[in-house]
N, C-alpha and C. Protein backbone atom coordinates (compact mmCIF):
# COMPACT_ATOMS: atom_id res chain seq x y z
N MET A 1 0.84 -1.17 0.00
CA MET A 1 0.00 0.00 0.00
C MET A 1 0.88 1.24 0.00
N ALA A 2 0.74 2.07 -1.01
CA ALA A 2 1.55 3.28 -1.13
C ALA A 2 0.87 4.43 -0.41
N LEU A 3 1.66 5.12 0.35
CA LEU A 3 1.14 6.29 1.07
C LEU A 3 1.49 7.54 0.29
N ASN A 4 0.52 8.43 0.15
CA ASN A 4 0.78 9.71 -0.50
C ASN A 4 1.33 10.68 0.52
N LYS A 5 2.43 11.29 0.18
CA LYS A 5 3.00 12.30 1.07
C LYS A 5 2.23 13.59 0.91
N VAL A 6 2.06 14.27 2.00
CA VAL A 6 1.42 15.58 1.97
C VAL A 6 2.47 16.57 2.44
N TYR A 7 2.81 17.50 1.56
CA TYR A 7 3.77 18.54 1.90
C TYR A 7 3.00 19.76 2.37
N LYS A 8 3.44 20.31 3.49
CA LYS A 8 2.73 21.44 4.08
C LYS A 8 3.74 22.49 4.50
N ASP A 9 3.51 23.74 4.07
CA ASP A 9 4.35 24.87 4.45
C ASP A 9 3.45 26.00 4.93
N LEU A 10 4.04 26.92 5.67
CA LEU A 10 3.29 28.11 6.06
C LEU A 10 3.01 28.96 4.83
N ASP A 11 1.83 29.52 4.78
CA ASP A 11 1.49 30.45 3.71
C ASP A 11 2.12 31.79 4.08
N LEU A 12 3.06 32.26 3.26
CA LEU A 12 3.82 33.46 3.62
C LEU A 12 3.03 34.75 3.46
N ARG A 13 1.80 34.66 3.01
CA ARG A 13 0.95 35.86 3.00
C ARG A 13 0.38 36.12 4.39
N PHE A 14 0.47 35.13 5.28
CA PHE A 14 0.02 35.21 6.67
C PHE A 14 -1.44 35.63 6.80
N LEU A 15 -2.26 35.10 5.91
CA LEU A 15 -3.70 35.34 6.01
C LEU A 15 -4.30 34.33 6.98
N PRO A 16 -5.29 34.75 7.79
CA PRO A 16 -5.89 33.79 8.73
C PRO A 16 -6.78 32.79 7.99
N GLN A 17 -6.88 31.60 8.58
CA GLN A 17 -7.79 30.60 8.03
C GLN A 17 -9.22 31.08 8.23
N PRO A 18 -10.10 30.80 7.27
CA PRO A 18 -11.49 31.22 7.44
C PRO A 18 -12.13 30.55 8.66
N GLY A 19 -12.70 31.34 9.52
CA GLY A 19 -13.38 30.83 10.71
C GLY A 19 -12.47 30.52 11.87
N LYS A 20 -11.16 30.71 11.71
CA LYS A 20 -10.22 30.42 12.80
C LYS A 20 -9.29 31.62 12.96
N LYS A 21 -8.58 31.62 14.04
CA LYS A 21 -7.60 32.68 14.26
C LYS A 21 -6.19 32.10 14.14
N ASP A 22 -5.98 31.30 13.13
CA ASP A 22 -4.71 30.64 12.93
C ASP A 22 -4.20 30.96 11.53
N ILE A 23 -2.90 30.87 11.33
CA ILE A 23 -2.31 31.13 10.02
C ILE A 23 -2.62 29.96 9.09
N SER A 24 -2.89 30.28 7.83
CA SER A 24 -3.22 29.21 6.87
C SER A 24 -1.94 28.57 6.33
N PHE A 25 -2.10 27.41 5.73
CA PHE A 25 -1.00 26.65 5.17
C PHE A 25 -1.19 26.49 3.67
N SER A 26 -0.10 26.19 2.98
CA SER A 26 -0.20 25.79 1.58
C SER A 26 0.26 24.35 1.51
N TYR A 27 -0.33 23.58 0.60
CA TYR A 27 -0.11 22.15 0.55
C TYR A 27 0.43 21.72 -0.81
N ASP A 28 1.14 20.60 -0.80
CA ASP A 28 1.63 19.88 -1.97
C ASP A 28 2.23 20.77 -3.05
N GLU A 29 1.63 20.80 -4.24
CA GLU A 29 2.22 21.53 -5.37
C GLU A 29 2.38 23.01 -5.08
N GLN A 30 1.40 23.59 -4.42
CA GLN A 30 1.47 25.01 -4.11
C GLN A 30 2.62 25.29 -3.13
N ALA A 31 2.81 24.43 -2.15
CA ALA A 31 3.89 24.61 -1.18
C ALA A 31 5.25 24.49 -1.85
N VAL A 32 5.43 23.50 -2.70
CA VAL A 32 6.71 23.30 -3.36
C VAL A 32 6.97 24.42 -4.37
N SER A 33 5.94 24.86 -5.09
CA SER A 33 6.10 25.96 -6.05
C SER A 33 6.54 27.24 -5.35
N ARG A 34 5.94 27.55 -4.23
CA ARG A 34 6.32 28.75 -3.49
C ARG A 34 7.72 28.62 -2.91
N SER A 35 8.07 27.43 -2.47
CA SER A 35 9.41 27.20 -1.95
C SER A 35 10.46 27.40 -3.04
N ILE A 36 10.19 26.89 -4.24
CA ILE A 36 11.13 27.07 -5.36
C ILE A 36 11.25 28.54 -5.72
N ARG A 37 10.14 29.23 -5.78
CA ARG A 37 10.17 30.66 -6.10
C ARG A 37 10.99 31.42 -5.05
N ASN A 38 10.80 31.11 -3.77
CA ASN A 38 11.56 31.78 -2.71
C ASN A 38 13.05 31.46 -2.81
N LEU A 39 13.39 30.21 -3.09
CA LEU A 39 14.79 29.84 -3.23
C LEU A 39 15.47 30.59 -4.37
N LEU A 40 14.79 30.67 -5.51
CA LEU A 40 15.39 31.30 -6.67
C LEU A 40 15.52 32.81 -6.50
N LEU A 41 14.62 33.43 -5.77
CA LEU A 41 14.65 34.88 -5.60
C LEU A 41 15.42 35.32 -4.36
N THR A 42 15.96 34.37 -3.60
CA THR A 42 16.77 34.68 -2.43
C THR A 42 18.24 34.64 -2.81
N GLY A 43 18.95 35.69 -2.51
CA GLY A 43 20.38 35.74 -2.79
C GLY A 43 21.18 35.16 -1.64
N TYR A 44 22.45 34.90 -1.92
CA TYR A 44 23.35 34.44 -0.85
C TYR A 44 23.45 35.50 0.24
N PHE A 45 23.60 35.06 1.48
CA PHE A 45 23.77 35.90 2.67
C PHE A 45 22.52 36.71 3.01
N GLU A 46 21.36 36.35 2.48
CA GLU A 46 20.12 37.03 2.85
C GLU A 46 19.43 36.37 4.04
N ARG A 47 19.69 35.10 4.27
CA ARG A 47 19.05 34.39 5.37
C ARG A 47 20.02 34.26 6.54
N PRO A 48 19.61 34.71 7.72
CA PRO A 48 20.48 34.57 8.88
C PRO A 48 20.78 33.10 9.18
N PHE A 49 22.02 32.82 9.52
CA PHE A 49 22.51 31.50 9.91
C PHE A 49 22.51 30.48 8.77
N GLN A 50 22.10 30.88 7.57
CA GLN A 50 22.16 30.02 6.39
C GLN A 50 22.67 30.86 5.21
N PRO A 51 23.93 31.27 5.23
CA PRO A 51 24.41 32.22 4.23
C PRO A 51 24.45 31.67 2.81
N LEU A 52 24.55 30.38 2.63
CA LEU A 52 24.65 29.82 1.28
C LEU A 52 23.33 29.28 0.75
N LEU A 53 22.24 29.52 1.45
CA LEU A 53 20.93 29.11 0.97
C LEU A 53 20.42 30.15 -0.01
N GLY A 54 20.06 29.72 -1.19
CA GLY A 54 19.57 30.63 -2.22
C GLY A 54 20.33 30.43 -3.51
N SER A 55 20.34 31.47 -4.34
CA SER A 55 21.02 31.37 -5.63
C SER A 55 21.70 32.69 -5.95
N GLN A 56 22.47 32.70 -7.01
CA GLN A 56 23.13 33.94 -7.44
C GLN A 56 22.45 34.53 -8.67
N ILE A 57 21.16 34.27 -8.80
CA ILE A 57 20.40 34.80 -9.95
C ILE A 57 20.39 36.33 -9.93
N ASP A 58 20.29 36.92 -8.76
CA ASP A 58 20.27 38.39 -8.69
C ASP A 58 21.53 39.01 -9.27
N LYS A 59 22.67 38.35 -9.12
CA LYS A 59 23.92 38.86 -9.69
C LYS A 59 23.95 38.67 -11.21
N LEU A 60 23.38 37.57 -11.69
CA LEU A 60 23.39 37.30 -13.13
C LEU A 60 22.48 38.25 -13.91
N LEU A 61 21.52 38.85 -13.26
CA LEU A 61 20.62 39.77 -13.94
C LEU A 61 21.32 41.08 -14.34
N PHE A 62 22.49 41.33 -13.76
CA PHE A 62 23.24 42.54 -14.11
C PHE A 62 24.27 42.27 -15.20
N GLU A 63 24.32 41.05 -15.69
CA GLU A 63 25.16 40.71 -16.84
C GLU A 63 24.41 41.09 -18.11
N PRO A 64 25.11 41.20 -19.25
CA PRO A 64 24.42 41.52 -20.50
C PRO A 64 23.36 40.46 -20.84
N VAL A 65 22.21 40.91 -21.33
CA VAL A 65 21.13 40.01 -21.68
C VAL A 65 21.51 39.31 -22.98
N SER A 66 21.77 38.01 -22.86
CA SER A 66 22.21 37.24 -24.02
C SER A 66 21.86 35.77 -23.81
N PRO A 67 21.93 34.97 -24.87
CA PRO A 67 21.70 33.53 -24.73
C PRO A 67 22.72 32.85 -23.81
N LEU A 68 23.95 33.36 -23.76
CA LEU A 68 24.96 32.80 -22.86
C LEU A 68 24.56 33.00 -21.41
N THR A 69 24.10 34.19 -21.07
CA THR A 69 23.64 34.45 -19.70
C THR A 69 22.40 33.62 -19.40
N ALA A 70 21.53 33.41 -20.38
CA ALA A 70 20.35 32.57 -20.18
C ALA A 70 20.76 31.13 -19.88
N SER A 71 21.78 30.65 -20.53
CA SER A 71 22.27 29.29 -20.27
C SER A 71 22.85 29.18 -18.86
N ILE A 72 23.58 30.20 -18.42
CA ILE A 72 24.12 30.20 -17.06
C ILE A 72 22.99 30.28 -16.04
N LEU A 73 21.96 31.07 -16.32
CA LEU A 73 20.78 31.15 -15.45
C LEU A 73 20.10 29.79 -15.34
N GLN A 74 19.96 29.10 -16.46
CA GLN A 74 19.34 27.78 -16.46
C GLN A 74 20.13 26.81 -15.59
N ASP A 75 21.45 26.81 -15.71
CA ASP A 75 22.29 25.94 -14.88
C ASP A 75 22.16 26.28 -13.40
N GLU A 76 22.10 27.58 -13.09
CA GLU A 76 21.98 28.01 -11.69
C GLU A 76 20.62 27.60 -11.10
N ILE A 77 19.57 27.69 -11.90
CA ILE A 77 18.24 27.28 -11.44
C ILE A 77 18.22 25.79 -11.14
N ILE A 78 18.76 24.99 -12.04
CA ILE A 78 18.79 23.53 -11.84
C ILE A 78 19.63 23.18 -10.62
N ARG A 79 20.79 23.82 -10.46
CA ARG A 79 21.66 23.54 -9.32
C ARG A 79 20.96 23.89 -8.00
N THR A 80 20.31 25.04 -7.95
CA THR A 80 19.65 25.48 -6.72
C THR A 80 18.52 24.53 -6.33
N ILE A 81 17.70 24.14 -7.28
CA ILE A 81 16.58 23.24 -6.97
C ILE A 81 17.08 21.86 -6.56
N ASN A 82 18.08 21.34 -7.25
CA ASN A 82 18.62 20.03 -6.90
C ASN A 82 19.26 20.02 -5.52
N ASN A 83 19.88 21.14 -5.13
CA ASN A 83 20.56 21.19 -3.84
C ASN A 83 19.62 21.44 -2.67
N TYR A 84 18.59 22.26 -2.86
CA TYR A 84 17.81 22.73 -1.72
C TYR A 84 16.34 22.34 -1.72
N GLU A 85 15.83 21.73 -2.76
CA GLU A 85 14.41 21.35 -2.78
C GLU A 85 14.29 19.88 -3.19
N PRO A 86 14.42 18.97 -2.24
CA PRO A 86 14.35 17.54 -2.57
C PRO A 86 12.94 17.05 -2.93
N ARG A 87 11.92 17.87 -2.66
CA ARG A 87 10.55 17.45 -2.97
C ARG A 87 10.22 17.57 -4.45
N ALA A 88 11.06 18.27 -5.22
CA ALA A 88 10.80 18.51 -6.64
C ALA A 88 11.76 17.71 -7.51
N THR A 89 11.21 17.12 -8.58
CA THR A 89 12.00 16.44 -9.59
C THR A 89 11.84 17.21 -10.89
N ILE A 90 12.92 17.81 -11.35
CA ILE A 90 12.86 18.70 -12.51
C ILE A 90 12.67 17.90 -13.80
N VAL A 91 11.75 18.37 -14.63
CA VAL A 91 11.52 17.80 -15.95
C VAL A 91 12.16 18.69 -17.01
N ASP A 92 11.89 20.00 -16.93
CA ASP A 92 12.39 20.92 -17.95
C ASP A 92 12.53 22.32 -17.37
N VAL A 93 13.59 22.99 -17.78
CA VAL A 93 13.80 24.40 -17.45
C VAL A 93 14.10 25.12 -18.75
N ALA A 94 13.27 26.09 -19.09
CA ALA A 94 13.47 26.88 -20.31
C ALA A 94 13.61 28.34 -19.92
N VAL A 95 14.68 28.96 -20.40
CA VAL A 95 14.92 30.37 -20.14
C VAL A 95 14.90 31.09 -21.48
N ASN A 96 13.90 31.95 -21.67
CA ASN A 96 13.77 32.72 -22.90
C ASN A 96 14.27 34.14 -22.68
N VAL A 97 15.01 34.65 -23.66
CA VAL A 97 15.62 35.97 -23.57
C VAL A 97 14.70 37.01 -24.22
N TYR A 98 14.44 38.09 -23.50
CA TYR A 98 13.73 39.24 -24.05
C TYR A 98 14.68 40.44 -23.97
N ALA A 99 15.52 40.58 -25.01
CA ALA A 99 16.56 41.61 -25.00
C ALA A 99 15.96 43.01 -25.02
N ASP A 100 14.82 43.19 -25.69
CA ASP A 100 14.21 44.52 -25.76
C ASP A 100 13.76 45.02 -24.39
N GLN A 101 13.37 44.09 -23.52
CA GLN A 101 12.87 44.45 -22.19
C GLN A 101 13.90 44.18 -21.09
N ASN A 102 15.10 43.73 -21.47
CA ASN A 102 16.16 43.38 -20.51
C ASN A 102 15.65 42.41 -19.45
N SER A 103 14.99 41.35 -19.89
CA SER A 103 14.43 40.39 -18.94
C SER A 103 14.52 38.97 -19.51
N TYR A 104 14.23 38.03 -18.63
CA TYR A 104 14.21 36.61 -18.98
C TYR A 104 12.88 36.03 -18.51
N ASN A 105 12.32 35.14 -19.30
CA ASN A 105 11.12 34.40 -18.91
C ASN A 105 11.55 32.97 -18.63
N VAL A 106 11.35 32.54 -17.40
CA VAL A 106 11.75 31.19 -16.98
C VAL A 106 10.50 30.34 -16.84
N SER A 107 10.50 29.22 -17.56
CA SER A 107 9.42 28.22 -17.45
C SER A 107 10.02 26.97 -16.85
N LEU A 108 9.51 26.58 -15.71
CA LEU A 108 10.03 25.43 -14.97
C LEU A 108 8.93 24.40 -14.84
N ILE A 109 9.21 23.17 -15.23
CA ILE A 109 8.25 22.07 -15.11
C ILE A 109 8.89 21.00 -14.23
N PHE A 110 8.14 20.55 -13.21
CA PHE A 110 8.68 19.57 -12.28
C PHE A 110 7.55 18.70 -11.72
N TYR A 111 7.95 17.58 -11.14
CA TYR A 111 7.01 16.70 -10.44
C TYR A 111 7.22 16.86 -8.94
N VAL A 112 6.14 16.75 -8.20
CA VAL A 112 6.19 16.83 -6.74
C VAL A 112 5.94 15.43 -6.19
N GLY A 113 6.94 14.88 -5.52
CA GLY A 113 6.80 13.56 -4.92
C GLY A 113 6.43 12.50 -5.93
N ASN A 114 5.39 11.73 -5.63
CA ASN A 114 4.92 10.67 -6.52
C ASN A 114 3.76 11.11 -7.39
N ASN A 115 3.52 12.39 -7.49
CA ASN A 115 2.41 12.91 -8.28
C ASN A 115 2.65 12.60 -9.75
N THR A 116 1.59 12.22 -10.46
CA THR A 116 1.74 11.85 -11.87
C THR A 116 1.54 13.02 -12.82
N SER A 117 1.04 14.14 -12.34
CA SER A 117 0.87 15.30 -13.22
C SER A 117 1.95 16.33 -12.89
N PRO A 118 2.57 16.90 -13.93
CA PRO A 118 3.64 17.88 -13.68
C PRO A 118 3.07 19.22 -13.21
N THR A 119 3.91 19.96 -12.53
CA THR A 119 3.57 21.30 -12.05
C THR A 119 4.46 22.29 -12.79
N ALA A 120 3.90 23.43 -13.17
CA ALA A 120 4.65 24.45 -13.91
C ALA A 120 4.73 25.73 -13.09
N VAL A 121 5.90 26.35 -13.15
CA VAL A 121 6.13 27.65 -12.53
C VAL A 121 6.72 28.55 -13.59
N ASN A 122 6.18 29.75 -13.72
CA ASN A 122 6.69 30.74 -14.66
C ASN A 122 7.17 31.96 -13.88
N LEU A 123 8.37 32.42 -14.20
CA LEU A 123 8.95 33.59 -13.56
C LEU A 123 9.44 34.55 -14.63
N ILE A 124 9.30 35.82 -14.39
CA ILE A 124 9.92 36.82 -15.23
C ILE A 124 11.01 37.47 -14.39
N LEU A 125 12.24 37.31 -14.83
CA LEU A 125 13.39 37.84 -14.10
C LEU A 125 13.85 39.12 -14.79
N LYS A 126 13.89 40.18 -13.99
CA LYS A 126 14.31 41.48 -14.49
C LYS A 126 15.05 42.18 -13.37
N ARG A 127 16.14 42.84 -13.71
CA ARG A 127 16.90 43.51 -12.65
C ARG A 127 16.13 44.73 -12.14
N ALA A 128 16.38 45.06 -10.88
CA ALA A 128 15.62 46.13 -10.23
C ALA A 128 16.11 47.51 -10.67
N ARG A 129 17.40 47.69 -10.83
CA ARG A 129 17.94 48.99 -11.26
C ARG A 129 19.03 48.80 -12.24
């Protein structure tokens, strides 16, 4: 008999549960998707006591917008997820270059645990200044 794992994380919007005075949770695909998004958008030395948790994507956004930088971004995304998110199994990572807008569109497809349907996350990466 196979048991389905249920992944549960705090909902970082900190909205109360309906009818209760407790913080709500996010489950399974939503929890892993938010965790991946947080990992990718967190730079090194941003988390206290865990200086190497995160990625160097923020530094790569200040490099020239090119297919070479997109390839390095793709490698960094795969490395970060493989190192810090064991609940996700990556299927595909596509980084599209938008040179006119100085941005990248990242499409990430992965499986969560033993789930048979893939989950997709889309991010638009653009430098702040």
